PDB file of N, CA and C in Angstrom:
ATOM      1  N   MET A   1     215.371 120.373   3.070  1.00  0.00           N
ATOM      2  CA  MET A   1     214.566 120.510   2.256  1.00  0.00           C
ATOM      3  C   MET A   1     212.981 120.977   2.750  1.00  0.00           C
ATOM      4  N   ASN A   2     212.657 122.147   2.403  1.00  0.00           N
ATOM      5  CA  ASN A   2     211.240 122.665   2.961  1.00  0.00           C
ATOM      6  C   ASN A   2     210.128 122.196   2.291  1.00  0.00           C
ATOM      7  N   ARG A   3     209.101 121.688   2.899  1.00  0.00           N
ATOM      8  CA  ARG A   3     207.980 121.207   2.377  1.00  0.00           C
ATOM      9  C   ARG A   3     207.085 122.604   2.026  1.00  0.00           C
ATOM     10  N   ILE A   4     206.719 122.758   0.528  1.00  0.00           N
ATOM     11  CA  ILE A   4     205.774 123.818   0.200  1.00  0.00           C
ATOM     12  C   ILE A   4     204.111 123.362   0.293  1.00  0.00           C
ATOM     13  N   LYS A   5     203.618 124.261   1.074  1.00  0.00           N
ATOM     14  CA  LYS A   5     202.208 124.184   1.425  1.00  0.00           C
ATOM     15  C   LYS A   5     201.271 124.439   0.085  1.00  0.00           C
ATOM     16  N   SER A   6     200.290 123.614  -0.216  1.00  0.00           N
ATOM     17  CA  SER A   6     199.556 124.055  -1.194  1.00  0.00           C
ATOM     18  C   SER A   6     198.007 124.006  -0.918  1.00  0.00           C
ATOM     19  N   HIS A   7     197.130 124.771  -1.565  1.00  0.00           N
ATOM     20  CA  HIS A   7     195.771 124.829  -1.115  1.00  0.00           C
ATOM     21  C   HIS A   7     194.864 123.884  -1.873  1.00  0.00           C
ATOM     22  N   VAL A   8     195.557 123.102  -2.911  1.00  0.00           N
ATOM     23  CA  VAL A   8     194.887 122.167  -3.796  1.00  0.00           C
ATOM     24  C   VAL A   8     195.348 120.781  -3.848  1.00  0.00           C
ATOM     25  N   LYS A   9     194.843 119.933  -3.666  1.00  0.00           N
ATOM     26  CA  LYS A   9     195.266 118.312  -3.678  1.00  0.00           C
ATOM     27  C   LYS A   9     194.969 117.837  -5.128  1.00  0.00           C
ATOM     28  N   LYS A  10     195.635 116.617  -5.298  1.00  0.00           N
ATOM     29  CA  LYS A  10     195.284 115.857  -6.508  1.00  0.00           C
ATOM     30  C   LYS A  10     194.048 115.474  -6.248  1.00  0.00           C
ATOM     31  N   GLY A  11     192.913 115.536  -7.272  1.00  0.00           N
ATOM     32  CA  GLY A  11     191.546 114.982  -7.544  1.00  0.00           C
ATOM     33  C   GLY A  11     190.747 116.189  -7.174  1.00  0.00           C
ATOM     34  N   ASP A  12     191.111 117.325  -6.808  1.00  0.00           N
ATOM     35  CA  ASP A  12     190.086 118.262  -6.342  1.00  0.00           C
ATOM     36  C   ASP A  12     189.612 119.090  -7.819  1.00  0.00           C
ATOM     37  N   HIS A  13     188.514 119.539  -7.812  1.00  0.00           N
ATOM     38  CA  HIS A  13     187.923 120.302  -8.638  1.00  0.00           C
ATOM     39  C   HIS A  13     188.468 121.631  -8.770  1.00  0.00           C
ATOM     40  N   VAL A  14     188.986 122.095  -9.778  1.00  0.00           N
ATOM     41  CA  VAL A  14     189.498 123.819  -9.617  1.00  0.00           C
ATOM     42  C   VAL A  14     189.119 124.576 -10.903  1.00  0.00           C
ATOM     43  N   GLU A  15     189.033 125.845 -10.906  1.00  0.00           N
ATOM     44  CA  GLU A  15     188.795 126.687 -11.846  1.00  0.00           C
ATOM     45  C   GLU A  15     190.106 127.502 -12.308  1.00  0.00           C
ATOM     46  N   VAL A  16     190.416 127.792 -13.445  1.00  0.00           N
ATOM     47  CA  VAL A  16     191.478 128.621 -13.559  1.00  0.00           C
ATOM     48  C   VAL A  16     190.980 130.255 -13.539  1.00  0.00           C
ATOM     49  N   ILE A  17     191.613 131.025 -12.741  1.00  0.00           N
ATOM     50  CA  ILE A  17     191.062 132.335 -12.418  1.00  0.00           C
ATOM     51  C   ILE A  17     191.745 133.539 -13.014  1.00  0.00           C
ATOM     52  N   SER A  18     192.807 133.194 -13.573  1.00  0.00           N
ATOM     53  CA  SER A  18     193.625 134.184 -14.470  1.00  0.00           C
ATOM     54  C   SER A  18     194.680 133.638 -15.587  1.00  0.00           C
ATOM     55  N   GLY A  19     195.046 134.505 -16.435  1.00  0.00           N
ATOM     56  CA  GLY A  19     195.647 133.835 -17.503  1.00  0.00           C
ATOM     57  C   GLY A  19     194.910 133.547 -18.918  1.00  0.00           C
ATOM     58  N   ASN A  20     195.625 133.105 -19.779  1.00  0.00           N
ATOM     59  CA  ASN A  20     194.593 132.662 -21.140  1.00  0.00           C
ATOM     60  C   ASN A  20     193.710 131.744 -20.939  1.00  0.00           C
ATOM     61  N   TYR A  21     193.871 130.993 -20.003  1.00  0.00           N
ATOM     62  CA  TYR A  21     192.855 129.632 -19.793  1.00  0.00           C
ATOM     63  C   TYR A  21     191.822 130.045 -18.752  1.00  0.00           C
ATOM     64  N   ARG A  22     191.468 131.389 -18.582  1.00  0.00           N
ATOM     65  CA  ARG A  22     190.799 131.775 -17.313  1.00  0.00           C
ATOM     66  C   ARG A  22     189.267 131.289 -17.784  1.00  0.00           C
ATOM     67  N   GLY A  23     188.691 131.107 -16.821  1.00  0.00           N
ATOM     68  CA  GLY A  23     187.191 130.353 -16.882  1.00  0.00           C
ATOM     69  C   GLY A  23     187.291 128.990 -17.183  1.00  0.00           C
ATOM     70  N   SER A  24     188.407 128.285 -17.417  1.00  0.00           N
ATOM     71  CA  SER A  24     188.123 126.887 -17.611  1.00  0.00           C
ATOM     72  C   SER A  24     188.016 126.116 -16.257  1.00  0.00           C
ATOM     73  N   SER A  25     187.610 124.961 -16.078  1.00  0.00           N
ATOM     74  CA  SER A  25     187.688 124.262 -14.989  1.00  0.00           C
ATOM     75  C   SER A  25     187.900 122.696 -15.234  1.00  0.00           C
ATOM     76  N   GLY A  26     188.465 121.980 -14.177  1.00  0.00           N
ATOM     77  CA  GLY A  26     188.778 120.576 -14.446  1.00  0.00           C
ATOM     78  C   GLY A  26     189.242 120.087 -13.309  1.00  0.00           C
ATOM     79  N   ARG A  27     189.679 118.882 -13.091  1.00  0.00           N
ATOM     80  CA  ARG A  27     190.039 117.893 -11.955  1.00  0.00           C
ATOM     81  C   ARG A  27     191.582 118.128 -12.107  1.00  0.00           C
ATOM     82  N   ILE A  28     192.251 118.316 -10.982  1.00  0.00           N
ATOM     83  CA  ILE A  28     193.843 118.243 -10.855  1.00  0.00           C
ATOM     84  C   ILE A  28     194.233 116.756 -10.919  1.00  0.00           C
ATOM     85  N   LEU A  29     195.288 116.450 -11.857  1.00  0.00           N
ATOM     86  CA  LEU A  29     195.958 114.962 -11.951  1.00  0.00           C
ATOM     87  C   LEU A  29     197.339 115.025 -11.264  1.00  0.00           C
ATOM     88  N   ALA A  30     197.888 116.175 -11.276  1.00  0.00           N
ATOM     89  CA  ALA A  30     199.293 116.197 -10.554  1.00  0.00           C
ATOM     90  C   ALA A  30     199.444 117.426 -10.002  1.00  0.00           C
ATOM     91  N   VAL A  31     200.325 117.444  -8.565  1.00  0.00           N
ATOM     92  CA  VAL A  31     200.787 118.723  -8.265  1.00  0.00           C
ATOM     93  C   VAL A  31     202.228 118.544  -8.216  1.00  0.00           C
ATOM     94  N   LEU A  32     202.921 119.690  -8.443  1.00  0.00           N
ATOM     95  CA  LEU A  32     204.355 119.828  -8.529  1.00  0.00           C
ATOM     96  C   LEU A  32     204.738 120.674  -7.745  1.00  0.00           C
ATOM     97  N   PRO A  33     204.964 120.374  -6.296  1.00  0.00           N
ATOM     98  CA  PRO A  33     205.171 121.674  -5.450  1.00  0.00           C
ATOM     99  C   PRO A  33     206.596 122.323  -5.616  1.00  0.00           C
ATOM    100  N   SER A  34     207.563 121.673  -5.880  1.00  0.00           N
ATOM    101  CA  SER A  34     208.874 122.128  -6.261  1.00  0.00           C
ATOM    102  C   SER A  34     208.766 122.925  -7.398  1.00  0.00           C
ATOM    103  N   LYS A  35     207.982 122.924  -8.350  1.00  0.00           N
ATOM    104  CA  LYS A  35     207.925 124.172  -9.465  1.00  0.00           C
ATOM    105  C   LYS A  35     206.310 124.804  -9.153  1.00  0.00           C
ATOM    106  N   GLN A  36     205.726 124.750  -8.059  1.00  0.00           N
ATOM    107  CA  GLN A  36     204.500 125.558  -7.890  1.00  0.00           C
ATOM    108  C   GLN A  36     203.490 125.459  -9.193  1.00  0.00           C
ATOM    109  N   ARG A  37     203.657 124.315  -9.550  1.00  0.00           N
ATOM    110  CA  ARG A  37     202.370 124.112 -10.509  1.00  0.00           C
ATOM    111  C   ARG A  37     201.589 122.772 -10.433  1.00  0.00           C
ATOM    112  N   VAL A  38     200.533 123.053 -11.163  1.00  0.00           N
ATOM    113  CA  VAL A  38     199.584 121.877 -11.147  1.00  0.00           C
ATOM    114  C   VAL A  38     199.220 121.342 -12.333  1.00  0.00           C
ATOM    115  N   GLY A  39     198.771 120.262 -12.731  1.00  0.00           N
ATOM    116  CA  GLY A  39     198.545 119.625 -14.164  1.00  0.00           C
ATOM    117  C   GLY A  39     197.438 119.293 -14.021  1.00  0.00           C
ATOM    118  N   GLY A  40     196.193 119.334 -14.845  1.00  0.00           N
ATOM    119  CA  GLY A  40     194.978 119.094 -14.657  1.00  0.00           C
ATOM    120  C   GLY A  40     194.243 119.011 -15.847  1.00  0.00           C
ATOM    121  N   GLU A  41     193.051 118.437 -16.004  1.00  0.00           N
ATOM    122  CA  GLU A  41     192.295 118.300 -17.367  1.00  0.00           C
ATOM    123  C   GLU A  41     191.561 119.526 -17.575  1.00  0.00           C
ATOM    124  N   GLY A  42     191.168 120.005 -18.690  1.00  0.00           N
ATOM    125  CA  GLY A  42     190.523 121.006 -19.200  1.00  0.00           C
ATOM    126  C   GLY A  42     191.317 122.163 -19.052  1.00  0.00           C
ATOM    127  N   GLY A  43     192.487 122.384 -18.636  1.00  0.00           N
ATOM    128  CA  GLY A  43     193.215 123.672 -18.486  1.00  0.00           C
ATOM    129  C   GLY A  43     194.013 124.266 -19.700  1.00  0.00           C
ATOM    130  N   ARG A  44     195.127 123.845 -19.428  1.00  0.00           N
ATOM    131  CA  ARG A  44     196.080 124.586 -20.557  1.00  0.00           C
ATOM    132  C   ARG A  44     196.534 123.330 -21.574  1.00  0.00           C
ATOM    133  N   ILE A  45     196.263 123.336 -22.741  1.00  0.00           N
ATOM    134  CA  ILE A  45     196.534 122.346 -23.818  1.00  0.00           C
ATOM    135  C   ILE A  45     197.892 122.776 -24.464  1.00  0.00           C
ATOM    136  N   VAL A  46     198.913 121.916 -24.632  1.00  0.00           N
ATOM    137  CA  VAL A  46     200.104 122.212 -25.134  1.00  0.00           C
ATOM    138  C   VAL A  46     200.166 121.178 -26.459  1.00  0.00           C
ATOM    139  N   LYS A  47     200.670 121.768 -27.383  1.00  0.00           N
ATOM    140  CA  LYS A  47     201.154 121.068 -28.679  1.00  0.00           C
ATOM    141  C   LYS A  47     202.474 120.401 -28.524  1.00  0.00           C
ATOM    142  N   LYS A  48     202.544 118.967 -28.581  1.00  0.00           N
ATOM    143  CA  LYS A  48     203.987 118.220 -28.607  1.00  0.00           C
ATOM    144  C   LYS A  48     204.270 117.692 -29.741  1.00  0.00           C
ATOM    145  N   HIS A  49     205.544 117.963 -30.267  1.00  0.00           N
ATOM    146  CA  HIS A  49     205.876 117.557 -31.700  1.00  0.00           C
ATOM    147  C   HIS A  49     206.559 116.324 -31.359  1.00  0.00           C
ATOM    148  N   LEU A  50     206.021 115.401 -32.043  1.00  0.00           N
ATOM    149  CA  LEU A  50     206.561 113.901 -32.013  1.00  0.00           C
ATOM    150  C   LEU A  50     207.340 113.420 -33.161  1.00  0.00           C
ATOM    151  N   ARG A  51     208.542 112.985 -32.990  1.00  0.00           N
ATOM    152  CA  ARG A  51     209.499 112.648 -34.311  1.00  0.00           C
ATOM    153  C   ARG A  51     209.060 111.345 -34.749  1.00  0.00           C
ATOM    154  N   LYS A  52     209.360 110.799 -35.825  1.00  0.00           N
ATOM    155  CA  LYS A  52     208.883 109.844 -36.473  1.00  0.00           C
ATOM    156  C   LYS A  52     209.410 108.631 -35.768  1.00  0.00           C
ATOM    157  N   SER A  53     208.737 107.415 -35.803  1.00  0.00           N
ATOM    158  CA  SER A  53     208.811 106.471 -34.957  1.00  0.00           C
ATOM    159  C   SER A  53     207.987 105.069 -35.344  1.00  0.00           C
ATOM    160  N   GLN A  54     208.321 104.005 -35.082  1.00  0.00           N
ATOM    161  CA  GLN A  54     207.572 102.697 -35.393  1.00  0.00           C
ATOM    162  C   GLN A  54     205.850 103.111 -35.015  1.00  0.00           C
ATOM    163  N   ASP A  55     205.547 103.793 -34.138  1.00  0.00           N
ATOM    164  CA  ASP A  55     204.022 104.151 -33.697  1.00  0.00           C
ATOM    165  C   ASP A  55     203.922 105.422 -34.451  1.00  0.00           C
ATOM    166  N   ASN A  56     204.509 106.480 -34.769  1.00  0.00           N
ATOM    167  CA  ASN A  56     204.139 107.334 -35.821  1.00  0.00           C
ATOM    168  C   ASN A  56     205.069 107.510 -37.110  1.00  0.00           C
ATOM    169  N   PRO A  57     204.780 106.602 -37.933  1.00  0.00           N
ATOM    170  CA  PRO A  57     205.427 106.750 -39.104  1.00  0.00           C
ATOM    171  C   PRO A  57     205.786 107.962 -39.882  1.00  0.00           C
ATOM    172  N   SER A  58     204.832 108.833 -39.706  1.00  0.00           N
ATOM    173  CA  SER A  58     205.049 110.167 -40.427  1.00  0.00           C
ATOM    174  C   SER A  58     205.241 111.565 -39.551  1.00  0.00           C
ATOM    175  N   GLY A  59     205.460 110.958 -37.996  1.00  0.00           N
ATOM    176  CA  GLY A  59     205.793 111.974 -37.121  1.00  0.00           C
ATOM    177  C   GLY A  59     204.275 112.610 -36.652  1.00  0.00           C
ATOM    178  N   LYS A  60     204.045 113.236 -35.463  1.00  0.00           N
ATOM    179  CA  LYS A  60     202.749 113.924 -35.251  1.00  0.00           C
ATOM    180  C   LYS A  60     202.927 114.941 -34.301  1.00  0.00           C
ATOM    181  N   ILE A  61     201.834 115.866 -34.148  1.00  0.00           N
ATOM    182  CA  ILE A  61     201.712 116.923 -33.367  1.00  0.00           C
ATOM    183  C   ILE A  61     200.515 116.403 -32.438  1.00  0.00           C
ATOM    184  N   ALA A  62     200.850 116.327 -31.363  1.00  0.00           N
ATOM    185  CA  ALA A  62     199.871 115.592 -30.035  1.00  0.00           C
ATOM    186  C   ALA A  62     199.598 116.881 -29.452  1.00  0.00           C
ATOM    187  N   GLU A  63     198.460 116.904 -28.844  1.00  0.00           N
ATOM    188  CA  GLU A  63     197.964 117.856 -27.962  1.00  0.00           C
ATOM    189  C   GLU A  63     197.784 117.137 -26.410  1.00  0.00           C
ATOM    190  N   ARG A  64     198.309 117.876 -25.580  1.00  0.00           N
ATOM    191  CA  ARG A  64     198.216 117.211 -23.976  1.00  0.00           C
ATOM    192  C   ARG A  64     198.225 118.009 -23.298  1.00  0.00           C
ATOM    193  N   GLU A  65     197.777 117.731 -21.963  1.00  0.00           N
ATOM    194  CA  GLU A  65     197.527 118.626 -20.958  1.00  0.00           C
ATOM    195  C   GLU A  65     198.793 119.362 -20.205  1.00  0.00           C
ATOM    196  N   GLY A  66     198.958 120.732 -20.124  1.00  0.00           N
ATOM    197  CA  GLY A  66     199.939 121.077 -19.671  1.00  0.00           C
ATOM    198  C   GLY A  66     200.044 121.944 -17.945  1.00  0.00           C
ATOM    199  N   PRO A  67     200.921 122.201 -17.431  1.00  0.00           N
ATOM    200  CA  PRO A  67     200.760 122.484 -16.167  1.00  0.00           C
ATOM    201  C   PRO A  67     200.580 124.245 -15.926  1.00  0.00           C
ATOM    202  N   ILE A  68     199.865 124.501 -15.080  1.00  0.00           N
ATOM    203  CA  ILE A  68     199.293 125.780 -14.776  1.00  0.00           C
ATOM    204  C   ILE A  68     199.988 126.082 -13.290  1.00  0.00           C
ATOM    205  N   HIS A  69     200.349 127.679 -13.306  1.00  0.00           N
ATOM    206  CA  HIS A  69     201.082 128.108 -11.837  1.00  0.00           C
ATOM    207  C   HIS A  69     199.963 127.989 -10.784  1.00  0.00           C
ATOM    208  N   ILE A  70     200.242 127.625  -9.621  1.00  0.00           N
ATOM    209  CA  ILE A  70     199.441 127.037  -8.737  1.00  0.00           C
ATOM    210  C   ILE A  70     198.379 128.494  -8.035  1.00  0.00           C
ATOM    211  N   SER A  71     199.035 129.557  -8.223  1.00  0.00           N
ATOM    212  CA  SER A  71     198.272 130.658  -7.968  1.00  0.00           C
ATOM    213  C   SER A  71     196.926 130.996  -8.848  1.00  0.00           C
ATOM    214  N   ASN A  72     197.450 130.597  -9.937  1.00  0.00           N
ATOM    215  CA  ASN A  72     196.215 130.898 -10.814  1.00  0.00           C
ATOM    216  C   ASN A  72     194.981 129.777 -10.818  1.00  0.00           C
ATOM    217  N   VAL A  73     194.880 128.990 -10.073  1.00  0.00           N
ATOM    218  CA  VAL A  73     193.557 128.163  -9.923  1.00  0.00           C
ATOM    219  C   VAL A  73     193.087 128.652  -8.311  1.00  0.00           C
ATOM    220  N   ARG A  74     191.641 128.298  -8.656  1.00  0.00           N
ATOM    221  CA  ARG A  74     190.891 128.507  -7.357  1.00  0.00           C
ATOM    222  C   ARG A  74     190.081 127.081  -7.201  1.00  0.00           C
ATOM    223  N   LEU A  75     190.304 126.614  -5.741  1.00  0.00           N
ATOM    224  CA  LEU A  75     189.518 125.341  -5.370  1.00  0.00           C
ATOM    225  C   LEU A  75     188.011 125.571  -5.407  1.00  0.00           C
ATOM    226  N   LEU A  76     187.173 124.761  -6.310  1.00  0.00           N
ATOM    227  CA  LEU A  76     185.701 124.869  -6.595  1.00  0.00           C
ATOM    228  C   LEU A  76     185.100 123.705  -5.354  1.00  0.00           C
ATOM    229  N   GLU A  77     185.961 122.592  -5.470  1.00  0.00           N
ATOM    230  CA  GLU A  77     185.239 121.472  -4.546  1.00  0.00           C
ATOM    231  C   GLU A  77     186.393 120.489  -4.204  1.00  0.00           C
ATOM    232  N   ARG A  78     186.326 119.946  -2.993  1.00  0.00           N
ATOM    233  CA  ARG A  78     187.408 118.931  -2.627  1.00  0.00           C
ATOM    234  C   ARG A  78     186.833 117.668  -3.013  1.00  0.00           C
ATOM    235  N   GLU A  79     187.907 116.828  -3.353  1.00  0.00           N
ATOM    236  CA  GLU A  79     187.797 115.383  -3.425  1.00  0.00           C
ATOM    237  C   GLU A  79     187.364 114.710  -2.285  1.00  0.00           C
ATOM    238  N   LYS A  80     186.199 114.156  -2.169  1.00  0.00           N
ATOM    239  CA  LYS A  80     185.739 113.315  -1.170  1.00  0.00           C
ATOM    240  C   LYS A  80     186.277 111.888  -1.070  1.00  0.00           C
ATOM    241  N   PRO A  81     187.072 111.695  -0.093  1.00  0.00           N
ATOM    242  CA  PRO A  81     187.613 110.260   0.054  1.00  0.00           C
ATOM    243  C   PRO A  81     186.449 109.223   0.344  1.00  0.00           C
ATOM    244  N   GLU A  82     186.548 108.074  -0.197  1.00  0.00           N
ATOM    245  CA  GLU A  82     185.625 106.953   0.124  1.00  0.00           C
ATOM    246  C   GLU A  82     186.202 106.328   1.501  1.00  0.00           C
ATOM    247  N   LYS A  83     185.457 106.458   2.523  1.00  0.00           N
ATOM    248  CA  LYS A  83     186.252 106.062   3.577  1.00  0.00           C
ATOM    249  C   LYS A  83     185.604 104.431   3.949  1.00  0.00           C
ATOM    250  N   GLY A  84     186.347 103.675   4.584  1.00  0.00           N
ATOM    251  CA  GLY A  84     186.036 102.064   4.591  1.00  0.00           C
ATOM    252  C   GLY A  84     186.009 102.072   6.465  1.00  0.00           C
ATOM    253  N   ARG A  85     185.563 101.000   6.890  1.00  0.00           N
ATOM    254  CA  ARG A  85     185.636 100.516   8.284  1.00  0.00           C
ATOM    255  C   ARG A  85     186.679 100.018   8.672  1.00  0.00           C
ATOM    256  N   LYS A  86     187.513 100.421   9.540  1.00  0.00           N
ATOM    257  CA  LYS A  86     188.717  99.573   9.870  1.00  0.00           C
ATOM    258  C   LYS A  86     188.633  98.329  10.732  1.00  0.00           C
ATOM    259  N   ALA A  87     189.079  97.246  10.749  1.00  0.00           N
ATOM    260  CA  ALA A  87     188.847  96.122  11.400  1.00  0.00           C
ATOM    261  C   ALA A  87     190.165  95.568  11.616  1.00  0.00           C
ATOM    262  N   LYS A  88     190.024  94.652  13.028  1.00  0.00           N
ATOM    263  CA  LYS A  88     191.222  93.900  13.247  1.00  0.00           C
ATOM    264  C   LYS A  88     191.016  92.639  12.941  1.00  0.00           C
ATOM    265  N   LYS A  89     191.874  91.959  12.337  1.00  0.00           N
ATOM    266  CA  LYS A  89     191.917  90.511  11.989  1.00  0.00           C
ATOM    267  C   LYS A  89     193.113  89.632  12.850  1.00  0.00           C
ATOM    268  N   GLU A  90     192.560  88.357  13.318  1.00  0.00           N
ATOM    269  CA  GLU A  90     193.499  87.670  14.327  1.00  0.00           C
ATOM    270  C   GLU A  90     194.577  87.218  13.313  1.00  0.00           C
ATOM    271  N   LYS A  91     195.633  86.931  13.139  1.00  0.00           N
ATOM    272  CA  LYS A  91     196.692  86.020  12.474  1.00  0.00           C
ATOM    273  C   LYS A  91     196.919  84.948  13.263  1.00  0.00           C
ATOM    274  N   GLN A  92     197.408  83.889  12.608  1.00  0.00           N
ATOM    275  CA  GLN A  92     198.202  82.890  13.611  1.00  0.00           C
ATOM    276  C   GLN A  92     199.502  83.522  14.298  1.00  0.00           C
ATOM    277  N   GLY A  93     199.606  82.689  15.433  1.00  0.00           N
ATOM    278  CA  GLY A  93     200.603  83.308  16.145  1.00  0.00           C
ATOM    279  C   GLY A  93     200.439  84.272  17.212  1.00  0.00           C
ATOM    280  N   GLY A  94     199.044  84.743  17.445  1.00  0.00           N
ATOM    281  CA  GLY A  94     198.508  85.804  18.318  1.00  0.00           C
ATOM    282  C   GLY A  94     198.713  87.233  17.529  1.00  0.00           C
ATOM    283  N   HIS A  95     199.174  87.155  16.367  1.00  0.00           N
ATOM    284  CA  HIS A  95     199.351  88.789  15.905  1.00  0.00           C
ATOM    285  C   HIS A  95     198.046  89.222  15.420  1.00  0.00           C
ATOM    286  N   SER A  96     197.995  90.328  15.174  1.00  0.00           N
ATOM    287  CA  SER A  96     196.820  91.190  14.658  1.00  0.00           C
ATOM    288  C   SER A  96     196.957  92.014  13.552  1.00  0.00           C
ATOM    289  N   GLU A  97     196.298  92.138  12.487  1.00  0.00           N
ATOM    290  CA  GLU A  97     196.612  92.883  11.334  1.00  0.00           C
ATOM    291  C   GLU A  97     195.356  93.934  11.372  1.00  0.00           C
ATOM    292  N   ARG A  98     195.607  95.166  10.732  1.00  0.00           N
ATOM    293  CA  ARG A  98     194.403  96.259  10.516  1.00  0.00           C
ATOM    294  C   ARG A  98     194.115  95.900   9.127  1.00  0.00           C
ATOM    295  N   THR A  99     192.805  95.737   8.832  1.00  0.00           N
ATOM    296  CA  THR A  99     192.235  95.832   7.387  1.00  0.00           C
ATOM    297  C   THR A  99     191.208  96.947   7.230  1.00  0.00           C
ATOM    298  N   GLU A 100     191.185  97.374   6.041  1.00  0.00           N
ATOM    299  CA  GLU A 100     190.295  98.615   5.805  1.00  0.00           C
ATOM    300  C   GLU A 100     188.883  97.678   4.775  1.00  0.00           C
ATOM    301  N   GLU A 101     187.805  97.663   5.120  1.00  0.00           N
ATOM    302  CA  GLU A 101     186.636  97.074   4.359  1.00  0.00           C
ATOM    303  C   GLU A 101     185.818  98.124   3.686  1.00  0.00           C
ATOM    304  N   ALA A 102     185.508  97.876   2.621  1.00  0.00           N
ATOM    305  CA  ALA A 102     184.590  98.957   1.798  1.00  0.00           C
ATOM    306  C   ALA A 102     183.338  98.968   2.309  1.00  0.00           C
ATOM    307  N   ARG A 103     182.868 100.224   2.560  1.00  0.00           N
ATOM    308  CA  ARG A 103     181.306 100.332   3.092  1.00  0.00           C
ATOM    309  C   ARG A 103     180.212 100.129   1.983  1.00  0.00           C
ATOM    310  N   THR A 104     179.430  99.284   2.653  1.00  0.00           N
ATOM    311  CA  THR A 104     178.314  98.833   1.716  1.00  0.00           C
ATOM    312  C   THR A 104     177.246  99.652   2.065  1.00  0.00           C
ATOM    313  N   GLU A 105     176.401 100.123   0.827  1.00  0.00           N
ATOM    314  CA  GLU A 105     175.370 100.857   1.101  1.00  0.00           C
ATOM    315  C   GLU A 105     174.114 100.078   1.547  1.00  0.00           C
ATOM    316  N   SER A 106     173.180 100.183   2.444  1.00  0.00           N
ATOM    317  CA  SER A 106     172.101  99.235   2.561  1.00  0.00           C
ATOM    318  C   SER A 106     170.738 100.142   2.751  1.00  0.00           C
TER     319      SER A 106
END
């Protein structure tokens, strides 16, 4: 099984460049590389019909985010990972363990 490379990742800020939702922008919540689609906020809104249940006694038409083809989005801004400092801590028995500490602004 080959891995499909993508120009966007989860958390990136993207803009829709073609299709019915052109011009809208938002963050990517999920990338589906096998289907070549991305799901994000502020893009495609889909109406999902829900049947009657205890939660919805009369049924409901819910609006939720739908996936968009990966070729229809353009990267605006990469998500910046919050990097911490790596430190080694000595454990009993002579073993060491790597831990990551959050950086504090001073």
